[in-house]
Amino acid sequence: MTATGRRVRVAAAVVWRDGKLLLTQRPPGGAFALQWEFPGGKIEPGETPAQALSREVLEELGVAATAHEALGVSVHDYAGGPRVEVAFLRCTLDSYDFTPSPAAHAVRWASPAAIPPEMILEADREFLARLKAGA
C-alpha cells in the first residue's frame, strides 16, 4: 500500500514481565524484515482493537491474551509504504510458554531503556520513547 492508500489499523500488545517488555521480531525477507515490534497485528473489519490483539497474539505466539486499557495511539506514514494507526493496549497473557508462528521470527523481553530506537519499527518508536520517559 502506498502513502496515498487508506490507513491500516493495528493493535499492539504491551506486555510487562519483571520490568521488561515483550517484543517480537519480524521474519526475514518480508516487509520490515528483522525489525522488532510489540506483538499484534492488523485489526480486521468488524473487530475491536482488543479482539484483534487477542486473535493476533494467539496466532503469533500460541498463547491466550487479554487486552486491558488503551495506553496510546500512534499514527505513522512510512515513506513509500503503508500508513498505519497503532493502538497500544496493556495486555496480560495466560502463559509465557510461547509457540511462535513463522510470523514471529524471534521473541524477547527487554527493558525500555535497553531497546535502541533503530531496532524497533518506526511506528512503535514514539510510544517506546514515552515508556522510556516514564509517561
C-alpha atoms as a PDB file:
ATOM      1  CA  MET A   1       0.000   0.000   0.000  1.00  0.00           C
ATOM      2  CA  THR A   2       1.372   3.407  -0.854  1.00  0.00           C
ATOM      3  CA  ALA A   3       1.263   6.515   1.271  1.00  0.00           C
ATOM      4  CA  THR A   4      -1.841   7.569  -0.670  1.00  0.00           C
ATOM      5  CA  GLY A   5      -3.775   4.434   0.368  1.00  0.00           C
ATOM      6  CA  ARG A   6      -6.097   4.108   3.325  1.00  0.00           C
ATOM      7  CA  ARG A   7      -4.724   3.903   6.849  1.00  0.00           C
ATOM      8  CA  VAL A   8      -4.077   0.400   8.213  1.00  0.00           C
ATOM      9  CA  ARG A   9      -5.315  -0.024  11.777  1.00  0.00           C
ATOM     10  CA  VAL A  10      -3.140  -2.166  14.034  1.00  0.00           C
ATOM     11  CA  ALA A  11      -3.413  -3.374  17.634  1.00  0.00           C
ATOM     12  CA  ALA A  12      -0.213  -3.817  19.647  1.00  0.00           C
ATOM     13  CA  ALA A  13       0.151  -5.700  22.936  1.00  0.00           C
ATOM     14  CA  VAL A  14       2.086  -4.028  25.732  1.00  0.00           C
ATOM     15  CA  VAL A  15       3.047  -6.942  27.975  1.00  0.00           C
ATOM     16  CA  TRP A  16       5.228  -6.367  31.046  1.00  0.00           C
ATOM     17  CA  ARG A  17       7.152  -9.025  32.979  1.00  0.00           C
ATOM     18  CA  ASP A  18       9.653  -8.137  35.703  1.00  0.00           C
ATOM     19  CA  GLY A  19      10.102  -4.608  34.324  1.00  0.00           C
ATOM     20  CA  LYS A  20      10.648  -5.808  30.770  1.00  0.00           C
ATOM     21  CA  LEU A  21       8.512  -5.565  27.637  1.00  0.00           C
ATOM     22  CA  LEU A  22       7.636  -8.410  25.303  1.00  0.00           C
ATOM     23  CA  LEU A  23       8.865  -7.860  21.738  1.00  0.00           C
ATOM     24  CA  THR A  24       8.667  -9.998  18.624  1.00  0.00           C
ATOM     25  CA  GLN A  25      10.928  -9.861  15.599  1.00  0.00           C
ATOM     26  CA  ARG A  26       9.510  -9.777  12.086  1.00  0.00           C
ATOM     27  CA  PRO A  27      10.667 -12.616   9.817  1.00  0.00           C
ATOM     28  CA  PRO A  28      13.475 -12.176   7.283  1.00  0.00           C
ATOM     29  CA  GLY A  29      12.547 -11.496   3.692  1.00  0.00           C
ATOM     30  CA  GLY A  30       9.242  -9.729   4.314  1.00  0.00           C
ATOM     31  CA  ALA A  31       8.158  -6.174   4.952  1.00  0.00           C
ATOM     32  CA  PHE A  32      10.307  -4.533   7.637  1.00  0.00           C
ATOM     33  CA  ALA A  33      12.423  -7.700   7.887  1.00  0.00           C
ATOM     34  CA  LEU A  34      14.051  -8.419  11.254  1.00  0.00           C
ATOM     35  CA  GLN A  35      12.664  -5.279  12.906  1.00  0.00           C
ATOM     36  CA  TRP A  36      11.382  -5.706  16.452  1.00  0.00           C
ATOM     37  CA  GLU A  37       7.834  -4.717  17.385  1.00  0.00           C
ATOM     38  CA  PHE A  38       5.175  -5.033  20.006  1.00  0.00           C
ATOM     39  CA  PRO A  39       3.202  -8.242  19.317  1.00  0.00           C
ATOM     40  CA  GLY A  40      -0.084  -7.787  17.476  1.00  0.00           C
ATOM     41  CA  GLY A  41      -1.307  -7.042  14.004  1.00  0.00           C
ATOM     42  CA  LYS A  42      -3.982  -5.697  11.728  1.00  0.00           C
ATOM     43  CA  ILE A  43      -7.465  -5.004  13.017  1.00  0.00           C
ATOM     44  CA  GLU A  44      -9.868  -6.801  10.682  1.00  0.00           C
ATOM     45  CA  PRO A  45     -13.210  -5.249   9.657  1.00  0.00           C
ATOM     46  CA  GLY A  46     -15.726  -5.633  12.472  1.00  0.00           C
ATOM     47  CA  GLU A  47     -13.068  -6.259  15.139  1.00  0.00           C
ATOM     48  CA  THR A  48     -12.273  -4.080  18.114  1.00  0.00           C
ATOM     49  CA  PRO A  49      -8.594  -3.479  18.907  1.00  0.00           C
ATOM     50  CA  ALA A  50      -8.947  -5.833  21.903  1.00  0.00           C
ATOM     51  CA  GLN A  51     -10.398  -8.620  19.741  1.00  0.00           C
ATOM     52  CA  ALA A  52      -7.679  -8.179  17.123  1.00  0.00           C
ATOM     53  CA  LEU A  53      -4.990  -8.253  19.782  1.00  0.00           C
ATOM     54  CA  SER A  54      -6.300 -11.484  21.311  1.00  0.00           C
ATOM     55  CA  ARG A  55      -6.520 -13.129  17.882  1.00  0.00           C
ATOM     56  CA  GLU A  56      -3.097 -11.941  16.710  1.00  0.00           C
ATOM     57  CA  VAL A  57      -1.238 -12.927  19.892  1.00  0.00           C
ATOM     58  CA  LEU A  58      -2.793 -16.392  19.765  1.00  0.00           C
ATOM     59  CA  GLU A  59      -1.821 -16.739  16.079  1.00  0.00           C
ATOM     60  CA  GLU A  60       1.724 -15.385  16.524  1.00  0.00           C
ATOM     61  CA  LEU A  61       2.725 -16.780  19.931  1.00  0.00           C
ATOM     62  CA  GLY A  62       0.277 -19.607  20.634  1.00  0.00           C
ATOM     63  CA  VAL A  63      -0.957 -18.148  23.943  1.00  0.00           C
ATOM     64  CA  ALA A  64      -4.212 -16.557  25.023  1.00  0.00           C
ATOM     65  CA  ALA A  65      -4.102 -12.825  25.665  1.00  0.00           C
ATOM     66  CA  THR A  66      -6.431 -10.473  27.490  1.00  0.00           C
ATOM     67  CA  ALA A  67      -6.430  -6.852  26.415  1.00  0.00           C
ATOM     68  CA  HIS A  68      -6.931  -4.193  29.071  1.00  0.00           C
ATOM     69  CA  GLU A  69      -6.838  -0.398  28.852  1.00  0.00           C
ATOM     70  CA  ALA A  70      -5.611   1.573  25.873  1.00  0.00           C
ATOM     71  CA  LEU A  71      -2.231   3.193  26.571  1.00  0.00           C
ATOM     72  CA  GLY A  72      -1.935   5.317  23.472  1.00  0.00           C
ATOM     73  CA  VAL A  73      -2.281   5.607  19.717  1.00  0.00           C
ATOM     74  CA  SER A  74       0.496   6.308  17.235  1.00  0.00           C
ATOM     75  CA  VAL A  75      -0.038   7.399  13.632  1.00  0.00           C
ATOM     76  CA  HIS A  76       2.833   6.878  11.221  1.00  0.00           C
ATOM     77  CA  ASP A  77       3.257   7.136   7.442  1.00  0.00           C
ATOM     78  CA  TYR A  78       6.119   5.019   6.138  1.00  0.00           C
ATOM     79  CA  ALA A  79       7.983   6.550   3.205  1.00  0.00           C
ATOM     80  CA  GLY A  80       6.596   4.809   0.122  1.00  0.00           C
ATOM     81  CA  GLY A  81       4.821   2.304   2.326  1.00  0.00           C
ATOM     82  CA  PRO A  82       1.787   1.844   4.498  1.00  0.00           C
ATOM     83  CA  ARG A  83       0.060   4.486   6.547  1.00  0.00           C
ATOM     84  CA  VAL A  84      -0.616   2.964   9.964  1.00  0.00           C
ATOM     85  CA  GLU A  85      -2.513   3.770  13.118  1.00  0.00           C
ATOM     86  CA  VAL A  86      -1.293   1.663  16.032  1.00  0.00           C
ATOM     87  CA  ALA A  87      -3.429   1.240  19.153  1.00  0.00           C
ATOM     88  CA  PHE A  88      -1.262   0.175  22.115  1.00  0.00           C
ATOM     89  CA  LEU A  89      -3.150  -1.817  24.748  1.00  0.00           C
ATOM     90  CA  ARG A  90      -1.898  -3.172  28.052  1.00  0.00           C
ATOM     91  CA  CYS A  91      -2.191  -6.912  27.832  1.00  0.00           C
ATOM     92  CA  THR A  92      -1.805  -9.961  30.061  1.00  0.00           C
ATOM     93  CA  LEU A  93      -1.034 -13.449  28.829  1.00  0.00           C
ATOM     94  CA  ASP A  94      -2.271 -16.801  30.116  1.00  0.00           C
ATOM     95  CA  SER A  95       1.223 -18.266  29.686  1.00  0.00           C
ATOM     96  CA  TYR A  96       4.789 -17.344  28.812  1.00  0.00           C
ATOM     97  CA  ASP A  97       5.368 -20.724  27.138  1.00  0.00           C
ATOM     98  CA  PHE A  98       5.307 -19.426  23.580  1.00  0.00           C
ATOM     99  CA  THR A  99       4.933 -21.460  20.417  1.00  0.00           C
ATOM    100  CA  PRO A 100       5.920 -18.806  17.886  1.00  0.00           C
ATOM    101  CA  SER A 101       4.470 -18.970  14.386  1.00  0.00           C
ATOM    102  CA  PRO A 102       6.539 -18.081  11.299  1.00  0.00           C
ATOM    103  CA  ALA A 103       5.229 -14.506  11.747  1.00  0.00           C
ATOM    104  CA  ALA A 104       7.347 -14.192  14.915  1.00  0.00           C
ATOM    105  CA  HIS A 105      10.955 -14.874  13.900  1.00  0.00           C
ATOM    106  CA  ALA A 106      12.146 -14.355  17.495  1.00  0.00           C
ATOM    107  CA  VAL A 107      10.732 -13.345  20.877  1.00  0.00           C
ATOM    108  CA  ARG A 108      12.487 -11.411  23.639  1.00  0.00           C
ATOM    109  CA  TRP A 109      11.945  -9.477  26.837  1.00  0.00           C
ATOM    110  CA  ALA A 110      13.728  -6.124  27.103  1.00  0.00           C
ATOM    111  CA  SER A 111      13.666  -3.134  29.416  1.00  0.00           C
ATOM    112  CA  PRO A 112      12.540   0.004  27.576  1.00  0.00           C
ATOM    113  CA  ALA A 113      15.873   1.731  28.268  1.00  0.00           C
ATOM    114  CA  ALA A 114      17.778  -1.151  26.630  1.00  0.00           C
ATOM    115  CA  ILE A 115      15.884  -1.013  23.322  1.00  0.00           C
ATOM    116  CA  PRO A 116      17.718   1.072  20.695  1.00  0.00           C
ATOM    117  CA  PRO A 117      15.090   3.014  18.693  1.00  0.00           C
ATOM    118  CA  GLU A 118      16.599   1.948  15.363  1.00  0.00           C
ATOM    119  CA  MET A 119      15.901  -1.740  16.066  1.00  0.00           C
ATOM    120  CA  ILE A 120      12.149  -1.251  16.536  1.00  0.00           C
ATOM    121  CA  LEU A 121       9.522  -0.453  13.913  1.00  0.00           C
ATOM    122  CA  GLU A 122       9.234   3.272  13.206  1.00  0.00           C
ATOM    123  CA  ALA A 123       5.528   3.251  14.089  1.00  0.00           C
ATOM    124  CA  ASP A 124       6.369   1.944  17.602  1.00  0.00           C
ATOM    125  CA  ARG A 125       9.222   4.369  18.360  1.00  0.00           C
ATOM    126  CA  GLU A 126       7.203   7.314  19.696  1.00  0.00           C
ATOM    127  CA  PHE A 127       5.314   5.065  22.103  1.00  0.00           C
ATOM    128  CA  LEU A 128       8.565   3.406  23.209  1.00  0.00           C
ATOM    129  CA  ALA A 129      10.089   6.862  23.826  1.00  0.00           C
ATOM    130  CA  ARG A 130       7.134   7.698  26.087  1.00  0.00           C
ATOM    131  CA  LEU A 131       7.697   4.455  28.033  1.00  0.00           C
ATOM    132  CA  LYS A 132      11.382   5.298  28.431  1.00  0.00           C
ATOM    133  CA  ALA A 133      10.439   8.752  29.729  1.00  0.00           C
ATOM    134  CA  GLY A 134       8.088   7.170  32.251  1.00  0.00           C
ATOM    135  CA  ALA A 135       4.923   8.609  30.714  1.00  0.00           C
END
